[in-house]
Amino acid sequence: MLPIVYCQWTVESFKDGRIGRKLFEARTPQGAAMWIRLGLRTVVSGFDPATAEAAFDWLDHGQDESLTVIRRGEPFILRAPCGDGESAWSARTVLGLPVVGGCTCPSGRSDLSPPMPPPASVRHHAGETSQGP
């Protein structure tokens, strides 16, 4: 078995309970951080100014800490509250067999719920676990 970094982007609505997920299998901690960075950059333009500032601060300065956490084998999560819900990007190292063709999820497939209201702020928690498969 080989170590891989299991990544997940979860969008949850606290109002109606809808949950959407996008999965990614990174081969390295750097790949996981890049995937989280790309996901955050994709949605940051919809954030309110204070949340966007916190997101850009993580994009500029927070990745080193996330890489350190993932390299130690600890789970990492970056959360962004969104009106009546929350977006969260998580990464954790797991042991697994390599999958022919890479990611275990179909390429380009997204199970994310419809767009949610902009988040109120961005928080990040090192060492917090997330629910995975």
Protein backbone atom coordinates (compact mmCIF):
# COMPACT_ATOMS: atom_id res chain seq x y z
CA MET A 1 0.00 0.00 0.00
CA LEU A 2 1.14 3.51 -0.79
CA PRO A 3 0.44 6.73 1.10
CA ILE A 4 -1.87 9.08 -0.79
CA VAL A 5 -3.55 12.30 0.28
CA TYR A 6 -7.34 12.00 0.21
CA CYS A 7 -8.86 15.43 -0.49
CA GLN A 8 -12.47 16.48 -0.25
CA TRP A 9 -14.42 19.68 -0.88
CA THR A 10 -17.72 19.66 0.98
CA VAL A 11 -20.54 22.18 0.62
CA GLU A 12 -23.20 21.91 3.31
CA SER A 13 -26.45 23.81 3.78
CA PHE A 14 -27.45 23.99 7.44
CA LYS A 15 -30.90 25.26 6.42
CA ASP A 16 -32.08 22.27 4.37
CA GLY A 17 -29.35 19.71 5.09
CA ARG A 18 -28.09 19.38 1.50
CA ILE A 19 -24.49 18.20 1.23
CA GLY A 20 -22.33 18.09 -1.90
CA ARG A 21 -18.82 16.67 -2.26
CA LYS A 22 -15.97 16.75 -4.75
CA LEU A 23 -13.17 14.21 -4.20
CA PHE A 24 -9.54 14.23 -5.28
CA GLU A 25 -6.65 11.83 -4.72
CA ALA A 26 -3.31 13.67 -4.47
CA ARG A 27 -0.03 11.80 -4.71
CA THR A 28 1.83 14.34 -2.53
CA PRO A 29 1.09 16.92 0.19
CA GLN A 30 2.04 19.61 -2.36
CA GLY A 31 -0.57 18.25 -4.77
CA ALA A 32 -3.19 18.37 -2.02
CA ALA A 33 -2.31 21.99 -1.13
CA MET A 34 -2.47 22.94 -4.82
CA TRP A 35 -5.93 21.35 -5.18
CA ILE A 36 -7.20 23.25 -2.10
CA ARG A 37 -5.64 26.47 -3.43
CA LEU A 38 -7.33 26.06 -6.83
CA GLY A 39 -10.71 25.35 -5.22
CA LEU A 40 -10.48 28.36 -2.93
CA ARG A 41 -9.36 30.63 -5.78
CA THR A 42 -12.34 29.42 -7.82
CA VAL A 43 -14.88 30.70 -5.28
CA VAL A 44 -13.06 33.60 -3.56
CA SER A 45 -14.53 36.18 -5.95
CA GLY A 46 -17.98 35.50 -4.45
CA PHE A 47 -16.85 36.18 -0.87
CA ASP A 48 -17.64 39.34 1.03
CA PRO A 49 -14.60 41.68 1.43
CA ALA A 50 -13.60 40.46 4.92
CA THR A 51 -13.83 36.80 3.92
CA ALA A 52 -11.96 37.43 0.69
CA GLU A 53 -9.18 39.12 2.68
CA ALA A 54 -8.91 36.11 5.01
CA ALA A 55 -8.92 33.74 2.01
CA PHE A 56 -6.18 35.71 0.24
CA ASP A 57 -4.18 35.74 3.48
CA TRP A 58 -4.29 31.91 3.52
CA LEU A 59 -3.46 31.78 -0.19
CA ASP A 60 -0.45 34.06 0.41
CA HIS A 61 0.78 32.76 3.78
CA GLY A 62 -1.21 29.77 5.08
CA GLN A 63 -0.10 27.04 2.72
CA ASP A 64 3.21 26.42 4.44
CA GLU A 65 1.41 25.50 7.65
CA SER A 66 -1.02 23.25 5.77
CA LEU A 67 1.87 21.42 4.08
CA THR A 68 3.57 20.89 7.44
CA VAL A 69 0.37 19.46 8.93
CA ILE A 70 -0.26 17.11 5.98
CA ARG A 71 3.38 15.96 5.90
CA ARG A 72 3.12 15.00 9.59
CA GLY A 73 0.20 12.76 8.61
CA GLU A 74 -2.36 14.91 10.43
CA PRO A 75 -5.68 15.90 8.86
CA PHE A 76 -6.02 19.47 7.58
CA ILE A 77 -9.22 21.41 6.97
CA LEU A 78 -9.95 24.90 5.62
CA ARG A 79 -13.49 26.13 6.30
CA ALA A 80 -15.47 28.99 4.79
CA PRO A 81 -18.92 29.65 6.28
CA CYS A 82 -21.46 30.46 3.56
CA GLY A 83 -24.63 32.20 4.72
CA ASP A 84 -26.76 29.26 5.87
CA GLY A 85 -23.99 26.72 5.26
CA GLU A 86 -20.32 26.05 4.90
CA SER A 87 -17.66 25.08 2.37
CA ALA A 88 -14.75 23.01 3.63
CA TRP A 89 -11.62 21.71 1.92
CA SER A 90 -9.91 18.84 3.72
CA ALA A 91 -6.85 16.68 3.17
CA ARG A 92 -5.61 13.63 5.05
CA THR A 93 -3.00 11.02 4.34
CA VAL A 94 -4.31 7.48 3.93
CA LEU A 95 -2.82 4.18 2.81
CA GLY A 96 -4.24 2.85 -0.41
CA LEU A 97 -3.55 0.95 -3.57
CA PRO A 98 -2.77 2.98 -6.67
CA VAL A 99 -5.72 3.36 -9.00
CA VAL A 100 -5.19 2.90 -12.73
CA GLY A 101 -5.74 6.31 -14.30
CA GLY A 102 -5.39 8.28 -11.06
CA CYS A 103 -8.37 9.67 -9.15
CA THR A 104 -11.04 7.25 -7.98
CA CYS A 105 -13.77 9.73 -8.94
CA PRO A 106 -14.81 10.37 -12.55
CA SER A 107 -12.82 13.23 -14.04
CA GLY A 108 -14.71 16.49 -14.04
CA ARG A 109 -17.66 15.07 -12.14
CA SER A 110 -19.05 17.30 -9.43
CA ASP A 111 -21.63 16.36 -6.85
CA LEU A 112 -21.72 19.85 -5.38
CA SER A 113 -25.01 21.42 -4.47
CA PRO A 114 -26.17 24.57 -6.28
CA PRO A 115 -24.19 27.73 -5.45
CA MET A 116 -24.53 28.92 -1.89
CA PRO A 117 -24.53 32.48 -0.51
CA PRO A 118 -21.09 34.04 0.02
CA PRO A 119 -19.33 32.96 3.23
CA ALA A 120 -19.17 35.27 6.23
CA SER A 121 -15.51 34.45 6.97
CA VAL A 122 -12.81 31.89 6.37
CA ARG A 123 -11.44 29.77 9.22
CA HIS A 124 -8.81 27.08 9.10
CA HIS A 125 -8.28 24.27 11.56
CA ALA A 126 -5.19 22.08 11.60
CA GLY A 127 -5.60 18.62 13.00
CA GLU A 128 -9.40 18.56 12.75
CA THR A 129 -10.81 15.42 11.23
CA SER A 130 -13.41 15.35 8.50
CA GLN A 131 -15.82 12.62 7.55
CA GLY A 132 -14.46 10.65 4.63
CA PRO A 133 -15.55 7.57 2.79
